[in-house]
Amino acid sequence: MNLTEDYWDNRYKKSDIGWDIGEISTPLKNYFDQLKNKETRILIPGGGNSYEAEYLHNNNFKNIYVVDVSKTALNNFSTRVPSFPKEHLLHSNFFDLDIKFDLIIEQTFFCAINPNLRSKYVLKAYNLLNTNGKVAGLLFNLPLNDNEPPFGGSKEEYLTYFTPYFKIKTMEEAYNSIKPRAGKELFFIITKKEK
């Protein structure tokens, strides 16, 4: 699998982005709507067109960061949401970040990376989070592909990765997925364990 920066950038250039639903997903919108602290430092890895960041920005959250290896995706977002701070659009690999956050939002990034990087993702998320930091969002709950993204998985598999580093607040089938993904997504909130 050659999931390089060029691979992802070309997908955006060709609009070959079937995972992109063109708006914020209902489970994440509902989760964001109950967040009170507008100063929360939020990271959206592999953010792509990042309707999540747009929604948060339009709701006066001040510290949202989007990281993506695709310059095209970040440019698309910047054009669509010109008031979003340019310095919060990080053209970088998630695994190379060295900034602290309170919350990491998961929306189709975990399923896009090579599955052999999942343990590395969990450790990186753990290290990027402040004390009591959280990861929240959606994970696919079905086997998808084994040769190209999106890669699926199951609750049982995900728990083996996350439980050594995180307390599982919830990881259940999303009740409010968009129709094409109904029954195929887990909504989860996990909190960083302290050593």
N, C-alpha and C. Protein backbone atom coordinates (compact mmCIF):
# COMPACT_ATOMS: atom_id res chain seq x y z
N MET A 1 0.84 -1.19 0.00
CA MET A 1 0.00 0.00 0.00
C MET A 1 0.88 1.24 0.00
N ASN A 2 0.59 2.13 -0.88
CA ASN A 2 1.42 3.33 -1.03
C ASN A 2 0.58 4.57 -0.70
N LEU A 3 0.20 4.71 0.59
CA LEU A 3 -0.69 5.80 1.01
C LEU A 3 0.14 7.05 1.32
N THR A 4 0.75 7.58 0.28
CA THR A 4 1.65 8.72 0.42
C THR A 4 0.88 10.04 0.34
N GLU A 5 1.62 11.11 0.56
CA GLU A 5 1.05 12.45 0.39
C GLU A 5 0.50 12.62 -1.02
N ASP A 6 1.24 12.16 -2.02
CA ASP A 6 0.77 12.26 -3.42
C ASP A 6 -0.51 11.47 -3.65
N TYR A 7 -0.59 10.29 -3.06
CA TYR A 7 -1.79 9.45 -3.20
C TYR A 7 -3.01 10.24 -2.73
N TRP A 8 -2.93 10.81 -1.53
CA TRP A 8 -4.09 11.52 -0.97
C TRP A 8 -4.35 12.82 -1.72
N ASP A 9 -3.31 13.54 -2.09
CA ASP A 9 -3.51 14.79 -2.81
C ASP A 9 -4.19 14.54 -4.15
N ASN A 10 -3.78 13.47 -4.83
CA ASN A 10 -4.40 13.13 -6.12
C ASN A 10 -5.86 12.74 -5.96
N ARG A 11 -6.19 12.07 -4.86
CA ARG A 11 -7.60 11.74 -4.61
C ARG A 11 -8.43 13.02 -4.54
N TYR A 12 -7.91 14.03 -3.86
CA TYR A 12 -8.64 15.31 -3.76
C TYR A 12 -8.66 16.05 -5.09
N LYS A 13 -7.56 16.01 -5.81
CA LYS A 13 -7.52 16.67 -7.12
C LYS A 13 -8.55 16.08 -8.07
N LYS A 14 -8.75 14.76 -7.98
CA LYS A 14 -9.70 14.07 -8.87
C LYS A 14 -11.10 14.01 -8.28
N SER A 15 -11.28 14.57 -7.10
CA SER A 15 -12.55 14.46 -6.35
C SER A 15 -12.96 13.00 -6.17
N ASP A 16 -11.97 12.13 -5.97
CA ASP A 16 -12.20 10.71 -5.70
C ASP A 16 -12.23 10.54 -4.18
N ILE A 17 -13.29 11.10 -3.58
CA ILE A 17 -13.36 11.18 -2.12
C ILE A 17 -14.73 10.69 -1.64
N GLY A 18 -14.97 9.41 -1.88
CA GLY A 18 -16.26 8.82 -1.56
C GLY A 18 -16.64 8.87 -0.09
N TRP A 19 -15.66 9.03 0.79
CA TRP A 19 -15.93 9.12 2.23
C TRP A 19 -16.51 10.48 2.61
N ASP A 20 -16.38 11.47 1.72
CA ASP A 20 -16.78 12.85 2.01
C ASP A 20 -18.29 12.99 1.79
N ILE A 21 -19.03 13.26 2.87
CA ILE A 21 -20.50 13.32 2.75
C ILE A 21 -20.99 14.74 2.45
N GLY A 22 -20.07 15.71 2.36
CA GLY A 22 -20.43 17.06 1.95
C GLY A 22 -21.00 17.93 3.04
N GLU A 23 -21.00 17.42 4.26
CA GLU A 23 -21.49 18.18 5.41
C GLU A 23 -21.02 17.48 6.68
N ILE A 24 -21.23 18.14 7.81
CA ILE A 24 -20.88 17.51 9.08
C ILE A 24 -21.82 16.34 9.34
N SER A 25 -21.30 15.25 9.88
CA SER A 25 -22.16 14.10 10.19
C SER A 25 -22.98 14.41 11.45
N THR A 26 -24.17 13.86 11.49
CA THR A 26 -25.08 14.12 12.60
C THR A 26 -24.49 13.75 13.97
N PRO A 27 -23.85 12.58 14.13
CA PRO A 27 -23.30 12.26 15.44
C PRO A 27 -22.30 13.31 15.93
N LEU A 28 -21.45 13.81 15.03
CA LEU A 28 -20.47 14.82 15.46
C LEU A 28 -21.13 16.17 15.71
N LYS A 29 -22.09 16.54 14.90
CA LYS A 29 -22.82 17.79 15.14
C LYS A 29 -23.45 17.77 16.53
N ASN A 30 -24.13 16.67 16.85
CA ASN A 30 -24.77 16.56 18.16
C ASN A 30 -23.76 16.59 19.30
N TYR A 31 -22.62 15.96 19.09
CA TYR A 31 -21.57 15.98 20.11
C TYR A 31 -21.04 17.41 20.29
N PHE A 32 -20.76 18.09 19.20
CA PHE A 32 -20.25 19.47 19.29
C PHE A 32 -21.26 20.39 19.96
N ASP A 33 -22.53 20.17 19.72
CA ASP A 33 -23.56 21.05 20.26
C ASP A 33 -23.62 21.03 21.78
N GLN A 34 -23.08 19.99 22.40
CA GLN A 34 -23.11 19.96 23.87
C GLN A 34 -21.77 20.39 24.49
N LEU A 35 -20.79 20.72 23.66
CA LEU A 35 -19.52 21.24 24.18
C LEU A 35 -19.70 22.70 24.61
N LYS A 36 -19.25 23.03 25.80
CA LYS A 36 -19.47 24.37 26.33
C LYS A 36 -18.25 25.30 26.19
N ASN A 37 -17.05 24.74 26.34
CA ASN A 37 -15.84 25.56 26.39
C ASN A 37 -15.34 25.88 24.97
N LYS A 38 -15.54 27.11 24.55
CA LYS A 38 -15.16 27.53 23.20
C LYS A 38 -13.64 27.66 23.04
N GLU A 39 -12.91 27.56 24.15
CA GLU A 39 -11.44 27.65 24.10
C GLU A 39 -10.78 26.28 23.97
N THR A 40 -11.55 25.22 23.99
CA THR A 40 -11.01 23.86 23.88
C THR A 40 -10.11 23.76 22.65
N ARG A 41 -8.91 23.21 22.85
CA ARG A 41 -7.97 23.00 21.73
C ARG A 41 -8.32 21.68 21.05
N ILE A 42 -8.78 21.79 19.80
CA ILE A 42 -9.33 20.65 19.08
C ILE A 42 -8.50 20.36 17.83
N LEU A 43 -8.15 19.09 17.65
CA LEU A 43 -7.43 18.65 16.45
C LEU A 43 -8.33 17.73 15.64
N ILE A 44 -8.37 17.97 14.33
CA ILE A 44 -9.07 17.08 13.41
C ILE A 44 -8.01 16.51 12.46
N PRO A 45 -7.54 15.28 12.74
CA PRO A 45 -6.50 14.69 11.88
C PRO A 45 -7.08 14.14 10.58
N GLY A 46 -6.30 14.26 9.51
CA GLY A 46 -6.78 13.82 8.21
C GLY A 46 -8.08 14.51 7.88
N GLY A 47 -8.14 15.80 8.19
CA GLY A 47 -9.39 16.55 8.16
C GLY A 47 -10.01 16.72 6.80
N GLY A 48 -9.21 16.67 5.74
CA GLY A 48 -9.77 16.80 4.40
C GLY A 48 -10.56 18.09 4.24
N ASN A 49 -11.78 17.98 3.72
CA ASN A 49 -12.63 19.16 3.53
C ASN A 49 -13.22 19.68 4.84
N SER A 50 -13.12 18.91 5.87
CA SER A 50 -13.35 19.30 7.26
C SER A 50 -14.59 20.16 7.52
N TYR A 51 -15.72 19.60 7.22
CA TYR A 51 -16.99 20.26 7.57
C TYR A 51 -17.12 20.38 9.09
N GLU A 52 -16.43 19.50 9.81
CA GLU A 52 -16.43 19.56 11.27
C GLU A 52 -15.75 20.85 11.75
N ALA A 53 -14.59 21.15 11.16
CA ALA A 53 -13.88 22.38 11.54
C ALA A 53 -14.70 23.61 11.17
N GLU A 54 -15.33 23.56 10.02
CA GLU A 54 -16.17 24.68 9.60
C GLU A 54 -17.31 24.90 10.59
N TYR A 55 -17.96 23.83 11.00
CA TYR A 55 -19.08 23.93 11.94
C TYR A 55 -18.61 24.51 13.28
N LEU A 56 -17.50 24.00 13.79
CA LEU A 56 -16.96 24.51 15.05
C LEU A 56 -16.58 25.99 14.93
N HIS A 57 -15.92 26.33 13.85
CA HIS A 57 -15.50 27.72 13.61
C HIS A 57 -16.72 28.64 13.56
N ASN A 58 -17.76 28.21 12.85
CA ASN A 58 -18.97 29.02 12.74
C ASN A 58 -19.73 29.12 14.06
N ASN A 59 -19.39 28.23 15.00
CA ASN A 59 -20.00 28.27 16.33
C ASN A 59 -19.04 28.83 17.38
N ASN A 60 -18.07 29.61 16.89
CA ASN A 60 -17.19 30.42 17.75
C ASN A 60 -16.19 29.65 18.60
N PHE A 61 -15.86 28.42 18.18
CA PHE A 61 -14.73 27.74 18.82
C PHE A 61 -13.46 28.39 18.28
N LYS A 62 -12.51 28.66 19.18
CA LYS A 62 -11.36 29.50 18.84
C LYS A 62 -10.09 28.73 18.48
N ASN A 63 -9.97 27.49 18.92
CA ASN A 63 -8.70 26.76 18.81
C ASN A 63 -8.86 25.43 18.08
N ILE A 64 -9.33 25.51 16.85
CA ILE A 64 -9.51 24.31 16.04
C ILE A 64 -8.33 24.20 15.08
N TYR A 65 -7.76 23.01 15.00
CA TYR A 65 -6.66 22.76 14.08
C TYR A 65 -7.03 21.58 13.18
N VAL A 66 -6.72 21.73 11.90
CA VAL A 66 -6.93 20.67 10.92
C VAL A 66 -5.56 20.27 10.39
N VAL A 67 -5.24 18.99 10.44
CA VAL A 67 -3.99 18.51 9.85
C VAL A 67 -4.32 17.54 8.72
N ASP A 68 -3.61 17.72 7.61
CA ASP A 68 -3.80 16.81 6.47
C ASP A 68 -2.53 16.83 5.62
N VAL A 69 -2.23 15.69 5.00
CA VAL A 69 -1.07 15.64 4.11
C VAL A 69 -1.42 16.20 2.73
N SER A 70 -2.72 16.37 2.45
CA SER A 70 -3.13 16.88 1.14
C SER A 70 -3.24 18.40 1.16
N LYS A 71 -2.34 19.04 0.40
CA LYS A 71 -2.40 20.49 0.27
C LYS A 71 -3.67 20.91 -0.45
N THR A 72 -4.11 20.10 -1.40
CA THR A 72 -5.35 20.40 -2.13
C THR A 72 -6.54 20.44 -1.19
N ALA A 73 -6.64 19.47 -0.29
CA ALA A 73 -7.75 19.45 0.67
C ALA A 73 -7.74 20.70 1.54
N LEU A 74 -6.56 21.07 2.04
CA LEU A 74 -6.46 22.26 2.89
C LEU A 74 -6.79 23.53 2.12
N ASN A 75 -6.35 23.59 0.87
CA ASN A 75 -6.69 24.75 0.02
C ASN A 75 -8.19 24.82 -0.25
N ASN A 76 -8.80 23.67 -0.50
CA ASN A 76 -10.25 23.62 -0.70
C ASN A 76 -10.97 24.19 0.52
N PHE A 77 -10.52 23.75 1.69
CA PHE A 77 -11.14 24.21 2.94
C PHE A 77 -10.95 25.71 3.12
N SER A 78 -9.73 26.18 2.88
CA SER A 78 -9.41 27.59 3.06
C SER A 78 -10.23 28.47 2.12
N THR A 79 -10.46 28.00 0.91
CA THR A 79 -11.28 28.73 -0.05
C THR A 79 -12.74 28.77 0.40
N ARG A 80 -13.21 27.66 0.92
CA ARG A 80 -14.61 27.56 1.35
C ARG A 80 -14.86 28.34 2.65
N VAL A 81 -13.86 28.37 3.54
CA VAL A 81 -14.01 29.02 4.85
C VAL A 81 -12.87 30.03 5.02
N PRO A 82 -12.91 31.15 4.27
CA PRO A 82 -11.77 32.08 4.27
C PRO A 82 -11.48 32.72 5.62
N SER A 83 -12.45 32.75 6.53
CA SER A 83 -12.22 33.38 7.84
C SER A 83 -11.52 32.44 8.83
N PHE A 84 -11.34 31.18 8.45
CA PHE A 84 -10.65 30.23 9.33
C PHE A 84 -9.17 30.58 9.38
N PRO A 85 -8.55 30.63 10.57
CA PRO A 85 -7.13 31.02 10.66
C PRO A 85 -6.22 30.09 9.84
N LYS A 86 -5.48 30.67 8.92
CA LYS A 86 -4.60 29.87 8.03
C LYS A 86 -3.55 29.10 8.83
N GLU A 87 -3.09 29.71 9.95
CA GLU A 87 -2.05 29.04 10.74
C GLU A 87 -2.59 27.82 11.49
N HIS A 88 -3.89 27.60 11.46
CA HIS A 88 -4.48 26.42 12.09
C HIS A 88 -4.74 25.30 11.07
N LEU A 89 -4.35 25.55 9.83
CA LEU A 89 -4.41 24.51 8.80
C LEU A 89 -3.00 23.97 8.63
N LEU A 90 -2.78 22.77 9.12
CA LEU A 90 -1.43 22.21 9.20
C LEU A 90 -1.20 21.22 8.07
N HIS A 91 -0.33 21.61 7.14
CA HIS A 91 0.03 20.69 6.06
C HIS A 91 1.15 19.81 6.58
N SER A 92 0.76 18.67 7.16
CA SER A 92 1.71 17.82 7.86
C SER A 92 1.12 16.42 8.00
N ASN A 93 1.97 15.51 8.40
CA ASN A 93 1.55 14.17 8.75
C ASN A 93 1.16 14.17 10.23
N PHE A 94 0.02 13.62 10.56
CA PHE A 94 -0.45 13.50 11.94
C PHE A 94 0.66 12.98 12.85
N PHE A 95 1.40 12.00 12.37
CA PHE A 95 2.42 11.35 13.20
C PHE A 95 3.63 12.25 13.46
N ASP A 96 3.73 13.37 12.74
CA ASP A 96 4.85 14.31 12.94
C ASP A 96 4.47 15.49 13.83
N LEU A 97 3.23 15.58 14.26
CA LEU A 97 2.80 16.72 15.08
C LEU A 97 3.45 16.69 16.46
N ASP A 98 3.65 17.88 17.00
CA ASP A 98 4.19 18.01 18.36
C ASP A 98 3.53 19.22 19.03
N ILE A 99 2.21 19.16 19.15
CA ILE A 99 1.42 20.23 19.76
C ILE A 99 0.43 19.53 20.69
N LYS A 100 0.03 20.19 21.75
CA LYS A 100 -0.91 19.58 22.70
C LYS A 100 -2.34 20.04 22.44
N PHE A 101 -3.28 19.11 22.64
CA PHE A 101 -4.69 19.37 22.42
C PHE A 101 -5.50 18.82 23.58
N ASP A 102 -6.75 19.32 23.67
CA ASP A 102 -7.69 18.81 24.66
C ASP A 102 -8.61 17.74 24.08
N LEU A 103 -8.81 17.80 22.76
CA LEU A 103 -9.77 16.93 22.11
C LEU A 103 -9.29 16.62 20.69
N ILE A 104 -9.32 15.35 20.33
CA ILE A 104 -9.04 14.91 18.96
C ILE A 104 -10.33 14.34 18.41
N ILE A 105 -10.72 14.81 17.23
CA ILE A 105 -11.95 14.36 16.59
C ILE A 105 -11.62 13.32 15.53
N GLU A 106 -12.29 12.20 15.60
CA GLU A 106 -12.07 11.11 14.65
C GLU A 106 -13.24 11.03 13.67
N GLN A 107 -12.93 11.28 12.41
CA GLN A 107 -13.94 11.20 11.34
C GLN A 107 -13.23 10.71 10.08
N THR A 108 -13.23 9.43 9.87
CA THR A 108 -12.67 8.74 8.69
C THR A 108 -11.15 8.81 8.57
N PHE A 109 -10.42 9.22 9.61
CA PHE A 109 -8.96 9.19 9.53
C PHE A 109 -8.42 7.82 9.94
N PHE A 110 -8.90 7.29 11.05
CA PHE A 110 -8.43 6.00 11.55
C PHE A 110 -8.61 4.91 10.50
N CYS A 111 -9.71 4.99 9.73
CA CYS A 111 -9.98 3.97 8.70
C CYS A 111 -9.18 4.22 7.42
N ALA A 112 -8.52 5.38 7.34
CA ALA A 112 -7.79 5.73 6.12
C ALA A 112 -6.31 5.36 6.21
N ILE A 113 -5.79 5.28 7.43
CA ILE A 113 -4.37 4.94 7.56
C ILE A 113 -4.19 3.42 7.42
N ASN A 114 -3.00 3.03 7.04
CA ASN A 114 -2.68 1.60 6.94
C ASN A 114 -2.98 0.95 8.30
N PRO A 115 -3.76 -0.14 8.33
CA PRO A 115 -4.10 -0.75 9.62
C PRO A 115 -2.91 -1.11 10.50
N ASN A 116 -1.73 -1.32 9.89
CA ASN A 116 -0.58 -1.64 10.74
C ASN A 116 -0.06 -0.41 11.50
N LEU A 117 -0.68 0.77 11.26
CA LEU A 117 -0.33 1.98 12.00
C LEU A 117 -1.30 2.28 13.14
N ARG A 118 -2.26 1.41 13.36
CA ARG A 118 -3.29 1.71 14.36
C ARG A 118 -2.72 1.84 15.78
N SER A 119 -1.81 0.97 16.15
CA SER A 119 -1.19 1.08 17.48
C SER A 119 -0.41 2.39 17.59
N LYS A 120 0.26 2.76 16.52
CA LYS A 120 1.02 4.01 16.49
C LYS A 120 0.09 5.22 16.61
N TYR A 121 -1.08 5.14 15.95
CA TYR A 121 -2.09 6.20 16.04
C TYR A 121 -2.51 6.41 17.51
N VAL A 122 -2.82 5.30 18.18
CA VAL A 122 -3.30 5.38 19.57
C VAL A 122 -2.24 6.03 20.45
N LEU A 123 -1.01 5.62 20.31
CA LEU A 123 0.08 6.20 21.11
C LEU A 123 0.29 7.67 20.77
N LYS A 124 0.21 8.01 19.50
CA LYS A 124 0.38 9.41 19.09
C LYS A 124 -0.75 10.27 19.65
N ALA A 125 -1.98 9.79 19.55
CA ALA A 125 -3.13 10.53 20.11
C ALA A 125 -2.93 10.73 21.61
N TYR A 126 -2.52 9.68 22.30
CA TYR A 126 -2.26 9.76 23.74
C TYR A 126 -1.24 10.87 24.04
N ASN A 127 -0.16 10.88 23.27
CA ASN A 127 0.92 11.85 23.53
C ASN A 127 0.56 13.28 23.13
N LEU A 128 -0.37 13.44 22.19
CA LEU A 128 -0.79 14.78 21.77
C LEU A 128 -1.79 15.42 22.73
N LEU A 129 -2.40 14.59 23.59
CA LEU A 129 -3.46 15.10 24.45
C LEU A 129 -2.94 15.61 25.79
N ASN A 130 -3.55 16.70 26.23
CA ASN A 130 -3.33 17.21 27.58
C ASN A 130 -3.94 16.26 28.59
N THR A 131 -3.67 16.47 29.88
CA THR A 131 -4.29 15.71 30.95
C THR A 131 -5.81 15.75 30.78
N ASN A 132 -6.44 14.61 30.95
CA ASN A 132 -7.90 14.46 30.77
C ASN A 132 -8.36 14.70 29.33
N GLY A 133 -7.43 14.69 28.38
CA GLY A 133 -7.80 14.87 26.98
C GLY A 133 -8.63 13.71 26.47
N LYS A 134 -9.37 13.99 25.41
CA LYS A 134 -10.30 12.99 24.86
C LYS A 134 -10.10 12.81 23.37
N VAL A 135 -10.48 11.63 22.90
CA VAL A 135 -10.69 11.38 21.48
C VAL A 135 -12.17 11.04 21.35
N ALA A 136 -12.84 11.65 20.38
CA ALA A 136 -14.26 11.40 20.17
C ALA A 136 -14.55 11.38 18.69
N GLY A 137 -15.54 10.60 18.31
CA GLY A 137 -15.93 10.59 16.91
C GLY A 137 -16.50 9.26 16.48
N LEU A 138 -16.21 8.91 15.24
CA LEU A 138 -16.81 7.74 14.62
C LEU A 138 -15.75 6.79 14.07
N LEU A 139 -16.01 5.52 14.22
CA LEU A 139 -15.18 4.46 13.65
C LEU A 139 -16.11 3.53 12.86
N PHE A 140 -15.64 3.03 11.73
CA PHE A 140 -16.45 2.07 10.99
C PHE A 140 -16.56 0.78 11.78
N ASN A 141 -17.74 0.18 11.75
CA ASN A 141 -18.03 -1.04 12.48
C ASN A 141 -18.40 -2.14 11.49
N LEU A 142 -17.48 -2.45 10.62
CA LEU A 142 -17.68 -3.51 9.63
C LEU A 142 -16.37 -3.73 8.90
N PRO A 143 -16.19 -4.94 8.35
CA PRO A 143 -15.01 -5.15 7.53
C PRO A 143 -15.21 -4.42 6.20
N LEU A 144 -14.26 -3.62 5.82
CA LEU A 144 -14.36 -2.93 4.54
C LEU A 144 -13.35 -3.54 3.59
N ASN A 145 -12.23 -2.88 3.42
CA ASN A 145 -11.22 -3.38 2.49
C ASN A 145 -9.99 -3.86 3.24
N ASP A 146 -9.19 -4.67 2.57
CA ASP A 146 -7.89 -5.01 3.16
C ASP A 146 -6.74 -4.59 2.25
N ASN A 147 -7.08 -3.96 1.11
CA ASN A 147 -6.01 -3.57 0.17
C ASN A 147 -5.96 -2.07 -0.09
N GLU A 148 -7.01 -1.33 0.30
CA GLU A 148 -7.01 0.12 0.14
C GLU A 148 -8.03 0.72 1.10
N PRO A 149 -7.87 2.00 1.45
CA PRO A 149 -8.83 2.61 2.37
C PRO A 149 -10.20 2.77 1.69
N PRO A 150 -11.27 2.75 2.48
CA PRO A 150 -11.31 2.70 3.94
C PRO A 150 -11.19 1.27 4.47
N PHE A 151 -10.48 1.17 5.59
CA PHE A 151 -10.30 -0.10 6.28
C PHE A 151 -11.27 -0.15 7.44
N GLY A 152 -11.93 -1.27 7.62
CA GLY A 152 -12.92 -1.38 8.68
C GLY A 152 -12.34 -1.94 9.95
N GLY A 153 -13.22 -2.42 10.78
CA GLY A 153 -12.84 -3.00 12.05
C GLY A 153 -14.06 -3.25 12.90
N SER A 154 -13.82 -3.67 14.14
CA SER A 154 -14.91 -4.00 15.06
C SER A 154 -14.63 -3.38 16.42
N LYS A 155 -15.66 -3.28 17.22
CA LYS A 155 -15.51 -2.76 18.58
C LYS A 155 -14.45 -3.55 19.34
N GLU A 156 -14.50 -4.87 19.21
CA GLU A 156 -13.55 -5.73 19.94
C GLU A 156 -12.11 -5.39 19.55
N GLU A 157 -11.89 -5.21 18.25
CA GLU A 157 -10.54 -4.87 17.77
C GLU A 157 -10.12 -3.51 18.30
N TYR A 158 -11.01 -2.51 18.17
CA TYR A 158 -10.67 -1.15 18.59
C TYR A 158 -10.34 -1.11 20.09
N LEU A 159 -11.10 -1.86 20.88
CA LEU A 159 -10.84 -1.86 22.33
C LEU A 159 -9.44 -2.38 22.65
N THR A 160 -8.96 -3.35 21.86
CA THR A 160 -7.61 -3.87 22.14
C THR A 160 -6.56 -2.78 21.94
N TYR A 161 -6.80 -1.87 20.99
CA TYR A 161 -5.87 -0.76 20.77
C TYR A 161 -5.99 0.32 21.85
N PHE A 162 -7.23 0.71 22.15
CA PHE A 162 -7.45 1.90 22.97
C PHE A 162 -7.37 1.67 24.48
N THR A 163 -7.79 0.49 24.98
CA THR A 163 -7.91 0.33 26.43
C THR A 163 -6.58 0.43 27.19
N PRO A 164 -5.43 0.11 26.62
CA PRO A 164 -4.20 0.31 27.41
C PRO A 164 -3.92 1.78 27.74
N TYR A 165 -4.42 2.70 26.94
CA TYR A 165 -4.08 4.12 27.08
C TYR A 165 -5.26 5.01 27.44
N PHE A 166 -6.49 4.51 27.23
CA PHE A 166 -7.67 5.36 27.38
C PHE A 166 -8.75 4.66 28.19
N LYS A 167 -9.51 5.47 28.95
CA LYS A 167 -10.73 4.99 29.59
C LYS A 167 -11.85 5.13 28.57
N ILE A 168 -12.61 4.08 28.39
CA ILE A 168 -13.67 4.09 27.39
C ILE A 168 -14.94 4.64 28.05
N LYS A 169 -15.33 5.84 27.66
CA LYS A 169 -16.58 6.41 28.18
C LYS A 169 -17.76 5.82 27.44
N THR A 170 -17.66 5.76 26.12
CA THR A 170 -18.68 5.09 25.30
C THR A 170 -18.04 4.62 24.00
N MET A 171 -18.53 3.50 23.50
CA MET A 171 -18.18 3.00 22.17
C MET A 171 -19.32 2.09 21.75
N GLU A 172 -20.32 2.71 21.14
CA GLU A 172 -21.54 2.00 20.80
C GLU A 172 -21.97 2.36 19.38
N GLU A 173 -22.81 1.51 18.82
CA GLU A 173 -23.34 1.79 17.48
C GLU A 173 -24.01 3.17 17.49
N ALA A 174 -23.64 4.00 16.53
CA ALA A 174 -24.23 5.34 16.43
C ALA A 174 -25.71 5.21 16.08
N TYR A 175 -26.56 5.87 16.85
CA TYR A 175 -28.00 5.79 16.61
C TYR A 175 -28.47 6.82 15.58
N ASN A 176 -27.59 7.76 15.23
CA ASN A 176 -27.99 8.88 14.37
C ASN A 176 -27.06 9.03 13.16
N SER A 177 -26.53 7.92 12.68
CA SER A 177 -25.69 7.94 11.47
C SER A 177 -26.52 8.40 10.27
N ILE A 178 -25.81 8.91 9.26
CA ILE A 178 -26.52 9.18 8.01
C ILE A 178 -26.99 7.84 7.44
N LYS A 179 -28.04 7.88 6.63
CA LYS A 179 -28.70 6.65 6.18
C LYS A 179 -27.75 5.62 5.56
N PRO A 180 -26.84 6.03 4.64
CA PRO A 180 -25.96 5.01 4.04
C PRO A 180 -25.01 4.33 5.04
N ARG A 181 -24.80 4.95 6.20
CA ARG A 181 -23.87 4.37 7.19
C ARG A 181 -24.60 3.82 8.42
N ALA A 182 -25.92 3.80 8.39
CA ALA A 182 -26.69 3.30 9.54
C ALA A 182 -26.28 1.87 9.87
N GLY A 183 -26.00 1.62 11.14
CA GLY A 183 -25.59 0.30 11.59
C GLY A 183 -24.15 -0.05 11.28
N LYS A 184 -23.41 0.90 10.69
CA LYS A 184 -22.03 0.63 10.27
C LYS A 184 -21.00 1.51 10.98
N GLU A 185 -21.46 2.30 11.96
CA GLU A 185 -20.54 3.22 12.65
C GLU A 185 -20.67 3.05 14.16
N LEU A 186 -19.53 3.19 14.83
CA LEU A 186 -19.50 3.28 16.28
C LEU A 186 -19.20 4.71 16.65
N PHE A 187 -20.01 5.27 17.55
CA PHE A 187 -19.67 6.57 18.14
C PHE A 187 -18.90 6.29 19.42
N PHE A 188 -17.79 7.00 19.61
CA PHE A 188 -16.99 6.72 20.80
C PHE A 188 -16.45 8.00 21.42
N ILE A 189 -16.29 7.95 22.72
CA ILE A 189 -15.60 8.99 23.49
C ILE A 189 -14.67 8.25 24.44
N ILE A 190 -13.39 8.58 24.36
CA ILE A 190 -12.41 7.94 25.26
C ILE A 190 -11.56 9.05 25.89
N THR A 191 -11.15 8.81 27.12
CA THR A 191 -10.38 9.79 27.89
C THR A 191 -9.01 9.24 28.20
N LYS A 192 -8.01 10.08 28.06
CA LYS A 192 -6.63 9.70 28.32
C LYS A 192 -6.44 9.22 29.75
N LYS A 193 -5.85 8.03 29.92
CA LYS A 193 -5.49 7.55 31.24
C LYS A 193 -4.23 8.26 31.69
N GLU A 194 -4.14 8.52 32.96
CA GLU A 194 -2.90 9.11 33.48
C GLU A 194 -2.00 7.98 33.98
N LYS A 195 -0.70 8.15 33.77
CA LYS A 195 0.26 7.11 34.14
C LYS A 195 0.42 7.04 35.64
